[in-house]
Structures are given as structure tokens and as C-alpha cells.
């Protein structure tokens, strides 16, 4: 049984748009955090991704997770219940408010930033421009919904895939782009990022056709993605 298997079982009934691969990626990223900065999540909904981050942190250095979300009353109760059921209430600090409202007062360095807030291009760009500068050198950023949502896809294409400030860029099956922030990457890093981006585009095109013709079928979509990434690597 893998380290993530119990987490997968725990989150299977928690509503949310997160593939198993994405959940495991967040878990492993949080597990590798050392405490140089905190973990910040933009957009929590009912806590599916929060659980992955929190339990990953628990398995590692126990870095605090700040969950930024409007936390509306009608869903905050479920979020709280899910966090408590996962046993991570002591590690997770809910921060109530829109990310644009919260960012100005958030003064802690960030070691891992997961962005899954508004998908409008202007909002995504604002999140990138205001939250990413708080990420420490060597810290990780992960953006959700970079496959089918135009606003997120455009910002990530410009600010990560074509950037000189990120390395180890990878795409996690589903829709998450992950990268590590650096002062300056190398030409090899940029070439790798472009190859990953090209593969992501093919994945997006293929899965979009599947969605239109056959509906949303997670199993086939994930199998298509795995075959593609087995061929080109990450």
C-alpha cells in the first residue's frame, strides 16, 4: 500500500474536482516542505485538496496550512467537519475572504502555494502577481485547472511555461501545473517546460473531444493521459 493510499480512501467521498494523481502530488509537495515557509491554499471549497495538503504536511515536518476561501456559512460547516475527520484541524488555519482581499495582510513566507480560486483571467493574473512573490526561492507553486479553463491556461502559459523564474515544471494528470520557483532557470529548464506544455496541449485537445462526445469519463481520461506521459516523460 502506497503512502497516499489511506488519504485516497479518506477523500473519495469529499466533493471536489481533484484527480487521484493531483491529490497525491499535493500530498507529496506538502510532505517535502521543511518549514522555510508555510503552505497556502487559494480556494478550499469543502476541503478535498486541503486534506491532501494537511496530511502530507503531517507526514513531513508539520508545516502550517492556511486555507484561503470565502468559507461561506452554507459550506464552511462541511469544510470544518472534513478537516476534523482527517485529523488535521490543528494544522489548518481557515482564512476567510477573497484572495485579493487577504493577500495584502498576509506577511508570512510561503514554501508551497496551491492556487484554485477564481478562473477569470484577470483574477488568476492578480493571484499570480500578488501571491507568487511571497513564495521563497526554491518553493513550489501549483495551479489547478490549467487544462480546460482559458483564463488559468493563459496565465500559466505566460508566467510559468515561458518564464525564466521556474524550473522542474510538470503537469499532473487532470489539470494541475507544478513548478519550483528559482532566481533564474537554465535553457534546459525552459526547453523542458515547453515540452511539457506541448504534451499538456495534446492532452487537453484529446480530452476535450472525449468530453464532447462521451461526457466526462474520469477513467478513460486518466488512461489517455497516462499513455501520453509514459511516451514523452515528465
C-alpha atoms as a PDB file:
ATOM      1  CA  UNK A   1       0.000   0.000   0.000  1.00  0.00           C
ATOM      2  CA  UNK A   2       1.411   3.382  -1.001  1.00  0.00           C
ATOM      3  CA  UNK A   3       1.848   6.248   1.447  1.00  0.00           C
ATOM      4  CA  UNK A   4      -1.055   8.071  -0.221  1.00  0.00           C
ATOM      5  CA  UNK A   5      -3.479   5.123  -0.271  1.00  0.00           C
ATOM      6  CA  UNK A   6      -5.129   5.921   3.098  1.00  0.00           C
ATOM      7  CA  UNK A   7      -5.539   9.553   2.026  1.00  0.00           C
ATOM      8  CA  UNK A   8      -7.165   8.488  -1.238  1.00  0.00           C
ATOM      9  CA  UNK A   9      -9.644   6.423   0.738  1.00  0.00           C
ATOM     10  CA  UNK A  10     -10.339   9.321   3.091  1.00  0.00           C
ATOM     11  CA  UNK A  11     -11.081  11.879   0.355  1.00  0.00           C
ATOM     12  CA  UNK A  12     -13.070   9.670  -2.023  1.00  0.00           C
ATOM     13  CA  UNK A  13     -16.414  10.911  -0.674  1.00  0.00           C
ATOM     14  CA  UNK A  14     -15.388  14.557  -0.274  1.00  0.00           C
ATOM     15  CA  UNK A  15     -16.830  16.677  -3.127  1.00  0.00           C
ATOM     16  CA  UNK A  16     -14.261  18.343  -5.334  1.00  0.00           C
ATOM     17  CA  UNK A  17     -12.614  18.330  -8.753  1.00  0.00           C
ATOM     18  CA  UNK A  18      -9.292  16.705  -7.958  1.00  0.00           C
ATOM     19  CA  UNK A  19      -7.904  13.595  -9.623  1.00  0.00           C
ATOM     20  CA  UNK A  20      -6.096  10.986  -7.535  1.00  0.00           C
ATOM     21  CA  UNK A  21      -2.858  11.980  -9.264  1.00  0.00           C
ATOM     22  CA  UNK A  22      -3.381  15.630  -8.329  1.00  0.00           C
ATOM     23  CA  UNK A  23      -4.224  14.739  -4.746  1.00  0.00           C
ATOM     24  CA  UNK A  24      -1.091  12.639  -4.435  1.00  0.00           C
ATOM     25  CA  UNK A  25       1.027  15.394  -5.978  1.00  0.00           C
ATOM     26  CA  UNK A  26      -0.240  17.903  -3.392  1.00  0.00           C
ATOM     27  CA  UNK A  27       0.363  15.384  -0.619  1.00  0.00           C
ATOM     28  CA  UNK A  28       3.968  14.810  -1.712  1.00  0.00           C
ATOM     29  CA  UNK A  29       4.664  18.525  -2.186  1.00  0.00           C
ATOM     30  CA  UNK A  30       3.399  19.264   1.325  1.00  0.00           C
ATOM     31  CA  UNK A  31       5.318  16.318   2.752  1.00  0.00           C
ATOM     32  CA  UNK A  32       8.567  17.754   1.349  1.00  0.00           C
ATOM     33  CA  UNK A  33       8.056  21.175   2.935  1.00  0.00           C
ATOM     34  CA  UNK A  34      10.696  21.871   5.569  1.00  0.00           C
ATOM     35  CA  UNK A  35       9.223  24.867   7.374  1.00  0.00           C
ATOM     36  CA  UNK A  36      11.140  27.527   5.476  1.00  0.00           C
ATOM     37  CA  UNK A  37       7.695  28.926   4.763  1.00  0.00           C
ATOM     38  CA  UNK A  38       4.069  27.989   5.264  1.00  0.00           C
ATOM     39  CA  UNK A  39       1.648  26.225   2.923  1.00  0.00           C
ATOM     40  CA  UNK A  40      -1.085  28.378   1.372  1.00  0.00           C
ATOM     41  CA  UNK A  41      -4.144  27.154  -0.490  1.00  0.00           C
ATOM     42  CA  UNK A  42      -6.242  29.595  -2.511  1.00  0.00           C
ATOM     43  CA  UNK A  43      -9.708  28.064  -2.807  1.00  0.00           C
ATOM     44  CA  UNK A  44     -10.680  25.262  -0.438  1.00  0.00           C
ATOM     45  CA  UNK A  45     -14.399  24.583  -1.009  1.00  0.00           C
ATOM     46  CA  UNK A  46     -15.160  21.517   1.150  1.00  0.00           C
ATOM     47  CA  UNK A  47     -11.587  20.589   1.912  1.00  0.00           C
ATOM     48  CA  UNK A  48     -10.610  17.840  -0.529  1.00  0.00           C
ATOM     49  CA  UNK A  49      -7.306  19.408  -1.533  1.00  0.00           C
ATOM     50  CA  UNK A  50      -6.839  20.804   1.989  1.00  0.00           C
ATOM     51  CA  UNK A  51      -6.861  17.265   3.362  1.00  0.00           C
ATOM     52  CA  UNK A  52      -4.176  16.203   0.883  1.00  0.00           C
ATOM     53  CA  UNK A  53      -2.016  19.169   1.863  1.00  0.00           C
ATOM     54  CA  UNK A  54      -2.635  18.767   5.580  1.00  0.00           C
ATOM     55  CA  UNK A  55      -1.944  15.048   5.719  1.00  0.00           C
ATOM     56  CA  UNK A  56       1.119  15.497   3.533  1.00  0.00           C
ATOM     57  CA  UNK A  57       2.359  18.135   5.943  1.00  0.00           C
ATOM     58  CA  UNK A  58       1.608  15.831   8.864  1.00  0.00           C
ATOM     59  CA  UNK A  59       3.707  13.091   7.236  1.00  0.00           C
ATOM     60  CA  UNK A  60       6.536  15.580   6.818  1.00  0.00           C
ATOM     61  CA  UNK A  61       7.529  18.499   9.027  1.00  0.00           C
ATOM     62  CA  UNK A  62       4.071  19.572  10.179  1.00  0.00           C
ATOM     63  CA  UNK A  63       4.094  22.888   8.316  1.00  0.00           C
ATOM     64  CA  UNK A  64       1.017  25.048   8.899  1.00  0.00           C
ATOM     65  CA  UNK A  65      -1.585  25.191   6.110  1.00  0.00           C
ATOM     66  CA  UNK A  66      -3.520  28.414   5.509  1.00  0.00           C
ATOM     67  CA  UNK A  67      -6.767  27.760   3.625  1.00  0.00           C
ATOM     68  CA  UNK A  68      -7.903  30.984   1.934  1.00  0.00           C
ATOM     69  CA  UNK A  69     -11.548  30.865   0.858  1.00  0.00           C
ATOM     70  CA  UNK A  70     -14.767  32.854   1.316  1.00  0.00           C
ATOM     71  CA  UNK A  71     -15.761  29.955   3.618  1.00  0.00           C
ATOM     72  CA  UNK A  72     -19.440  30.793   3.180  1.00  0.00           C
ATOM     73  CA  UNK A  73     -21.587  29.630   6.072  1.00  0.00           C
ATOM     74  CA  UNK A  74     -23.519  27.086   3.989  1.00  0.00           C
ATOM     75  CA  UNK A  75     -20.356  25.116   3.151  1.00  0.00           C
ATOM     76  CA  UNK A  76     -17.906  26.047   5.904  1.00  0.00           C
ATOM     77  CA  UNK A  77     -19.566  23.549   8.209  1.00  0.00           C
ATOM     78  CA  UNK A  78     -18.741  20.714   5.808  1.00  0.00           C
ATOM     79  CA  UNK A  79     -15.210  22.016   5.349  1.00  0.00           C
ATOM     80  CA  UNK A  80     -14.690  22.044   9.109  1.00  0.00           C
ATOM     81  CA  UNK A  81     -16.160  18.556   9.515  1.00  0.00           C
ATOM     82  CA  UNK A  82     -13.957  17.134   6.767  1.00  0.00           C
ATOM     83  CA  UNK A  83     -10.833  18.742   8.216  1.00  0.00           C
ATOM     84  CA  UNK A  84     -11.631  17.449  11.691  1.00  0.00           C
ATOM     85  CA  UNK A  85     -12.413  13.969  10.365  1.00  0.00           C
ATOM     86  CA  UNK A  86      -8.988  13.925   8.686  1.00  0.00           C
ATOM     87  CA  UNK A  87      -7.342  14.830  11.986  1.00  0.00           C
ATOM     88  CA  UNK A  88      -5.637  17.988  10.704  1.00  0.00           C
ATOM     89  CA  UNK A  89      -7.641  20.752  12.389  1.00  0.00           C
ATOM     90  CA  UNK A  90      -4.547  21.747  14.369  1.00  0.00           C
ATOM     91  CA  UNK A  91      -2.522  22.201  11.174  1.00  0.00           C
ATOM     92  CA  UNK A  92      -5.126  24.057   9.095  1.00  0.00           C
ATOM     93  CA  UNK A  93      -5.952  27.724   9.627  1.00  0.00           C
ATOM     94  CA  UNK A  94      -9.027  28.842   7.641  1.00  0.00           C
ATOM     95  CA  UNK A  95      -8.612  32.384   6.303  1.00  0.00           C
ATOM     96  CA  UNK A  96     -11.992  33.840   5.416  1.00  0.00           C
ATOM     97  CA  UNK A  97     -12.106  36.181   2.440  1.00  0.00           C
ATOM     98  CA  UNK A  98     -11.326  36.507  -1.237  1.00  0.00           C
ATOM     99  CA  UNK A  99      -7.663  36.010  -2.090  1.00  0.00           C
ATOM    100  CA  UNK A 100      -7.449  39.578  -3.420  1.00  0.00           C
ATOM    101  CA  UNK A 101      -8.634  40.902  -0.058  1.00  0.00           C
ATOM    102  CA  UNK A 102      -6.397  38.693   2.060  1.00  0.00           C
ATOM    103  CA  UNK A 103      -3.083  38.911   0.209  1.00  0.00           C
ATOM    104  CA  UNK A 104      -2.164  42.422   1.340  1.00  0.00           C
ATOM    105  CA  UNK A 105      -2.189  41.452   5.008  1.00  0.00           C
ATOM    106  CA  UNK A 106      -0.568  38.038   4.616  1.00  0.00           C
ATOM    107  CA  UNK A 107       3.030  38.564   5.670  1.00  0.00           C
ATOM    108  CA  UNK A 108       4.436  35.049   6.069  1.00  0.00           C
ATOM    109  CA  UNK A 109       6.862  33.454   3.588  1.00  0.00           C
ATOM    110  CA  UNK A 110       5.314  30.640   1.572  1.00  0.00           C
ATOM    111  CA  UNK A 111       7.020  27.340   0.797  1.00  0.00           C
ATOM    112  CA  UNK A 112       4.117  25.785  -1.125  1.00  0.00           C
ATOM    113  CA  UNK A 113       1.359  27.721  -2.893  1.00  0.00           C
ATOM    114  CA  UNK A 114      -1.660  25.930  -4.380  1.00  0.00           C
ATOM    115  CA  UNK A 115      -3.978  28.173  -6.407  1.00  0.00           C
ATOM    116  CA  UNK A 116      -7.522  27.028  -7.172  1.00  0.00           C
ATOM    117  CA  UNK A 117      -9.527  30.228  -6.841  1.00  0.00           C
ATOM    118  CA  UNK A 118     -11.381  32.258  -9.441  1.00  0.00           C
ATOM    119  CA  UNK A 119     -10.707  31.103 -13.010  1.00  0.00           C
ATOM    120  CA  UNK A 120     -11.272  34.510 -14.599  1.00  0.00           C
ATOM    121  CA  UNK A 121      -8.060  35.557 -16.318  1.00  0.00           C
ATOM    122  CA  UNK A 122      -7.812  38.909 -14.530  1.00  0.00           C
ATOM    123  CA  UNK A 123      -8.278  37.235 -11.138  1.00  0.00           C
ATOM    124  CA  UNK A 124      -5.760  34.486 -11.904  1.00  0.00           C
ATOM    125  CA  UNK A 125      -3.240  37.083 -13.017  1.00  0.00           C
ATOM    126  CA  UNK A 126      -3.815  39.047  -9.811  1.00  0.00           C
ATOM    127  CA  UNK A 127      -3.347  35.900  -7.711  1.00  0.00           C
ATOM    128  CA  UNK A 128      -0.129  35.133  -9.550  1.00  0.00           C
ATOM    129  CA  UNK A 129       1.269  38.657  -9.302  1.00  0.00           C
ATOM    130  CA  UNK A 130       0.476  39.092  -5.609  1.00  0.00           C
ATOM    131  CA  UNK A 131       0.874  35.630  -4.071  1.00  0.00           C
ATOM    132  CA  UNK A 132       3.773  34.102  -6.033  1.00  0.00           C
ATOM    133  CA  UNK A 133       6.237  36.846  -4.943  1.00  0.00           C
ATOM    134  CA  UNK A 134       5.675  35.627  -1.364  1.00  0.00           C
ATOM    135  CA  UNK A 135       6.969  32.148  -2.294  1.00  0.00           C
ATOM    136  CA  UNK A 136      10.518  31.543  -1.093  1.00  0.00           C
ATOM    137  CA  UNK A 137      13.320  30.741  -3.507  1.00  0.00           C
ATOM    138  CA  UNK A 138      13.103  27.002  -4.131  1.00  0.00           C
ATOM    139  CA  UNK A 139       9.466  26.895  -3.033  1.00  0.00           C
ATOM    140  CA  UNK A 140       6.776  25.205  -5.107  1.00  0.00           C
ATOM    141  CA  UNK A 141       3.718  26.606  -6.849  1.00  0.00           C
ATOM    142  CA  UNK A 142       0.810  24.564  -8.181  1.00  0.00           C
ATOM    143  CA  UNK A 143      -2.061  25.907 -10.269  1.00  0.00           C
ATOM    144  CA  UNK A 144      -5.229  23.863 -10.700  1.00  0.00           C
ATOM    145  CA  UNK A 145      -7.484  23.847 -13.792  1.00  0.00           C
ATOM    146  CA  UNK A 146      -4.743  24.726 -16.288  1.00  0.00           C
ATOM    147  CA  UNK A 147      -6.135  22.387 -18.963  1.00  0.00           C
ATOM    148  CA  UNK A 148      -9.669  23.411 -19.916  1.00  0.00           C
ATOM    149  CA  UNK A 149     -10.144  26.823 -18.282  1.00  0.00           C
ATOM    150  CA  UNK A 150      -8.939  29.522 -20.661  1.00  0.00           C
ATOM    151  CA  UNK A 151      -8.064  32.165 -18.068  1.00  0.00           C
ATOM    152  CA  UNK A 152      -5.896  29.885 -15.951  1.00  0.00           C
ATOM    153  CA  UNK A 153      -4.325  28.268 -19.000  1.00  0.00           C
ATOM    154  CA  UNK A 154      -3.275  31.618 -20.480  1.00  0.00           C
ATOM    155  CA  UNK A 155      -1.746  32.978 -17.284  1.00  0.00           C
ATOM    156  CA  UNK A 156       0.185  29.794 -16.556  1.00  0.00           C
ATOM    157  CA  UNK A 157       1.406  29.629 -20.162  1.00  0.00           C
ATOM    158  CA  UNK A 158       2.832  33.139 -19.887  1.00  0.00           C
ATOM    159  CA  UNK A 159       4.015  33.179 -16.282  1.00  0.00           C
ATOM    160  CA  UNK A 160       5.293  29.623 -15.782  1.00  0.00           C
ATOM    161  CA  UNK A 161       5.857  27.732 -19.040  1.00  0.00           C
ATOM    162  CA  UNK A 162       7.518  30.726 -20.732  1.00  0.00           C
ATOM    163  CA  UNK A 163       9.197  32.065 -17.597  1.00  0.00           C
ATOM    164  CA  UNK A 164      12.829  32.238 -16.525  1.00  0.00           C
ATOM    165  CA  UNK A 165      11.817  32.060 -12.848  1.00  0.00           C
ATOM    166  CA  UNK A 166      10.667  28.428 -12.687  1.00  0.00           C
ATOM    167  CA  UNK A 167      12.220  25.007 -13.115  1.00  0.00           C
ATOM    168  CA  UNK A 168      11.095  21.386 -12.689  1.00  0.00           C
ATOM    169  CA  UNK A 169       7.856  22.264 -14.464  1.00  0.00           C
ATOM    170  CA  UNK A 170       5.462  19.349 -14.719  1.00  0.00           C
ATOM    171  CA  UNK A 171       1.853  18.637 -15.493  1.00  0.00           C
ATOM    172  CA  UNK A 172      -0.160  16.349 -13.239  1.00  0.00           C
ATOM    173  CA  UNK A 173      -2.867  14.268 -14.908  1.00  0.00           C
ATOM    174  CA  UNK A 174      -6.113  16.149 -14.647  1.00  0.00           C
ATOM    175  CA  UNK A 175      -5.311  19.839 -14.796  1.00  0.00           C
ATOM    176  CA  UNK A 176      -2.536  20.865 -12.408  1.00  0.00           C
ATOM    177  CA  UNK A 177       0.720  22.564 -13.376  1.00  0.00           C
ATOM    178  CA  UNK A 178       3.505  22.389 -10.795  1.00  0.00           C
ATOM    179  CA  UNK A 179       6.822  24.268 -10.801  1.00  0.00           C
ATOM    180  CA  UNK A 180       9.631  25.290  -8.472  1.00  0.00           C
ATOM    181  CA  UNK A 181      10.478  28.974  -8.121  1.00  0.00           C
ATOM    182  CA  UNK A 182      14.103  29.954  -8.742  1.00  0.00           C
ATOM    183  CA  UNK A 183      16.047  33.159  -9.257  1.00  0.00           C
ATOM    184  CA  UNK A 184      16.842  32.158 -12.857  1.00  0.00           C
ATOM    185  CA  UNK A 185      16.395  28.889 -14.702  1.00  0.00           C
ATOM    186  CA  UNK A 186      18.525  27.431 -17.493  1.00  0.00           C
ATOM    187  CA  UNK A 187      17.928  26.968 -21.197  1.00  0.00           C
ATOM    188  CA  UNK A 188      17.465  23.273 -20.499  1.00  0.00           C
ATOM    189  CA  UNK A 189      14.791  24.089 -17.920  1.00  0.00           C
ATOM    190  CA  UNK A 190      12.953  26.239 -20.468  1.00  0.00           C
ATOM    191  CA  UNK A 191      13.161  23.551 -23.135  1.00  0.00           C
ATOM    192  CA  UNK A 192      11.768  21.014 -20.687  1.00  0.00           C
ATOM    193  CA  UNK A 193       8.915  23.380 -19.776  1.00  0.00           C
ATOM    194  CA  UNK A 194       7.997  23.850 -23.419  1.00  0.00           C
ATOM    195  CA  UNK A 195       7.961  20.082 -23.982  1.00  0.00           C
ATOM    196  CA  UNK A 196       5.671  19.598 -21.005  1.00  0.00           C
ATOM    197  CA  UNK A 197       3.430  22.391 -22.249  1.00  0.00           C
ATOM    198  CA  UNK A 198       3.191  20.800 -25.696  1.00  0.00           C
ATOM    199  CA  UNK A 199       2.200  17.493 -24.156  1.00  0.00           C
ATOM    200  CA  UNK A 200      -0.374  19.241 -21.978  1.00  0.00           C
ATOM    201  CA  UNK A 201      -1.897  20.850 -25.071  1.00  0.00           C
ATOM    202  CA  UNK A 202      -2.299  17.464 -26.738  1.00  0.00           C
ATOM    203  CA  UNK A 203      -3.816  16.069 -23.558  1.00  0.00           C
ATOM    204  CA  UNK A 204      -6.245  19.000 -23.424  1.00  0.00           C
ATOM    205  CA  UNK A 205      -7.257  18.559 -27.052  1.00  0.00           C
ATOM    206  CA  UNK A 206      -7.812  14.809 -26.747  1.00  0.00           C
ATOM    207  CA  UNK A 207      -9.744  15.012 -23.509  1.00  0.00           C
ATOM    208  CA  UNK A 208     -11.870  17.903 -24.783  1.00  0.00           C
ATOM    209  CA  UNK A 209     -13.019  15.680 -27.644  1.00  0.00           C
ATOM    210  CA  UNK A 210     -13.813  12.897 -25.170  1.00  0.00           C
ATOM    211  CA  UNK A 211     -15.806  15.305 -23.030  1.00  0.00           C
ATOM    212  CA  UNK A 212     -17.887  16.478 -26.002  1.00  0.00           C
ATOM    213  CA  UNK A 213     -18.507  13.055 -27.499  1.00  0.00           C
ATOM    214  CA  UNK A 214     -18.795  10.818 -24.476  1.00  0.00           C
ATOM    215  CA  UNK A 215     -19.300  13.033 -21.456  1.00  0.00           C
ATOM    216  CA  UNK A 216     -16.944  13.366 -18.505  1.00  0.00           C
ATOM    217  CA  UNK A 217     -15.378   9.948 -18.007  1.00  0.00           C
ATOM    218  CA  UNK A 218     -12.515  10.203 -15.496  1.00  0.00           C
ATOM    219  CA  UNK A 219     -11.256   6.658 -16.078  1.00  0.00           C
ATOM    220  CA  UNK A 220     -10.709   6.970 -19.854  1.00  0.00           C
ATOM    221  CA  UNK A 221      -9.355  10.487 -19.491  1.00  0.00           C
ATOM    222  CA  UNK A 222      -6.751   9.389 -16.966  1.00  0.00           C
ATOM    223  CA  UNK A 223      -5.765   6.359 -19.063  1.00  0.00           C
ATOM    224  CA  UNK A 224      -5.260   8.559 -22.133  1.00  0.00           C
ATOM    225  CA  UNK A 225      -3.118  10.916 -20.085  1.00  0.00           C
ATOM    226  CA  UNK A 226      -1.008   8.157 -18.590  1.00  0.00           C
ATOM    227  CA  UNK A 227      -0.260   6.675 -22.016  1.00  0.00           C
ATOM    228  CA  UNK A 228       0.789  10.084 -23.314  1.00  0.00           C
ATOM    229  CA  UNK A 229       3.066  10.837 -20.391  1.00  0.00           C
ATOM    230  CA  UNK A 230       4.608   7.385 -20.464  1.00  0.00           C
ATOM    231  CA  UNK A 231       5.675   8.131 -24.025  1.00  0.00           C
ATOM    232  CA  UNK A 232       7.148  11.604 -23.515  1.00  0.00           C
ATOM    233  CA  UNK A 233       8.169  11.559 -19.864  1.00  0.00           C
ATOM    234  CA  UNK A 234       7.663  14.395 -17.397  1.00  0.00           C
END
